Amino acid sequence: MIIDTRDRAIFTLALGAGLRVSELVSLHLGDIRPLADGGAILEVKSGKGRKARSFKIPSRVLESVATYVEESGRTWRRQADLGDL
């Protein structure tokens, strides 16, 4: 089975961050803010019960998403400038 970088980024983000499917499909690249320590803060704006939540995601999850962003030719900017993952 061949998994491309997009699929790997989606699975890694979903499992590594413990996201629900509804949260995953509503994410934007701007919802992920890289930190100096290699990890990142993920802002989920439409969580269960329409509650927003923020939490730290591990560096391995961020690396997977960054690889996808680089290979897709996208740039990492704030949410207002971006579409869906």
Protein backbone atom coordinates (compact mmCIF):
# COMPACT_ATOMS: atom_id res chain seq x y z
CA MET A 1 0.00 0.00 0.00
CA ILE A 2 1.40 3.37 -1.02
CA ILE A 3 0.50 6.38 1.09
CA ASP A 4 1.33 9.80 -0.33
CA THR A 5 2.54 12.70 1.82
CA ARG A 6 -0.92 14.27 2.01
CA ASP A 7 -2.50 11.10 3.38
CA ARG A 8 0.42 10.59 5.79
CA ALA A 9 0.01 14.16 7.06
CA ILE A 10 -3.74 13.65 7.56
CA PHE A 11 -3.34 10.34 9.42
CA THR A 12 -0.44 11.60 11.53
CA LEU A 13 -2.32 14.76 12.46
CA ALA A 14 -5.54 12.89 13.29
CA LEU A 15 -3.84 10.25 15.41
CA GLY A 16 -1.06 12.38 16.90
CA ALA A 17 -3.40 15.19 17.92
CA GLY A 18 -6.43 13.06 18.77
CA LEU A 19 -8.71 14.92 16.39
CA ARG A 20 -12.26 13.97 15.59
CA VAL A 21 -13.07 13.64 11.88
CA SER A 22 -15.25 16.75 11.95
CA GLU A 23 -12.36 18.73 13.50
CA LEU A 24 -9.88 17.37 10.97
CA VAL A 25 -11.90 18.31 7.90
CA SER A 26 -12.42 21.88 9.11
CA LEU A 27 -8.72 22.61 9.75
CA HIS A 28 -6.72 25.23 7.90
CA LEU A 29 -2.93 25.41 7.74
CA GLY A 30 -3.11 28.69 9.65
CA ASP A 31 -4.58 26.78 12.63
CA ILE A 32 -1.13 25.25 13.23
CA ARG A 33 1.41 27.60 14.82
CA PRO A 34 4.97 26.18 14.91
CA LEU A 35 6.93 26.69 18.13
CA ALA A 36 10.66 27.17 18.66
CA ASP A 37 11.00 23.78 20.41
CA GLY A 38 9.97 21.85 17.27
CA GLY A 39 6.36 21.26 18.28
CA ALA A 40 3.34 23.37 17.46
CA ILE A 41 0.11 24.73 18.87
CA LEU A 42 -3.04 23.55 17.11
CA GLU A 43 -6.15 25.71 17.37
CA VAL A 44 -9.34 23.73 16.77
CA LYS A 45 -12.10 26.27 16.27
CA SER A 46 -15.04 23.94 15.70
CA GLY A 47 -14.68 21.16 18.23
CA LYS A 48 -17.32 19.04 19.88
CA GLY A 49 -20.19 21.21 21.07
CA ARG A 50 -18.84 24.05 18.91
CA LYS A 51 -16.16 24.73 21.51
CA ALA A 52 -12.73 25.98 20.51
CA ARG A 53 -9.63 24.36 21.99
CA SER A 54 -5.88 24.76 21.64
CA PHE A 55 -3.22 22.21 22.45
CA LYS A 56 0.38 21.32 21.70
CA ILE A 57 1.14 18.74 19.03
CA PRO A 58 4.40 16.75 18.89
CA SER A 59 7.26 17.60 16.53
CA ARG A 60 6.80 14.36 14.54
CA VAL A 61 3.25 15.47 13.68
CA LEU A 62 4.46 18.90 12.64
CA GLU A 63 7.22 17.34 10.49
CA SER A 64 4.65 15.27 8.60
CA VAL A 65 2.47 18.31 7.90
CA ALA A 66 5.51 20.44 6.96
CA THR A 67 6.63 17.78 4.45
CA TYR A 68 3.21 17.86 2.82
CA VAL A 69 3.18 21.67 2.72
CA GLU A 70 6.64 21.73 1.12
CA GLU A 71 5.84 19.07 -1.50
CA SER A 72 2.51 20.65 -2.39
CA GLY A 73 4.09 24.04 -3.06
CA ARG A 74 1.95 25.81 -0.49
CA THR A 75 3.27 28.47 1.86
CA TRP A 76 2.66 28.60 5.57
CA ARG A 77 0.73 31.78 6.43
CA ARG A 78 -2.01 32.82 8.79
CA GLN A 79 -5.48 31.30 8.49
CA ALA A 80 -7.10 34.23 6.70
CA ASP A 81 -4.87 33.59 3.67
CA LEU A 82 -5.37 29.83 3.41
CA GLY A 83 -7.90 27.30 2.32
CA ASP A 84 -8.38 23.81 3.68
CA LEU A 85 -5.55 21.34 4.09
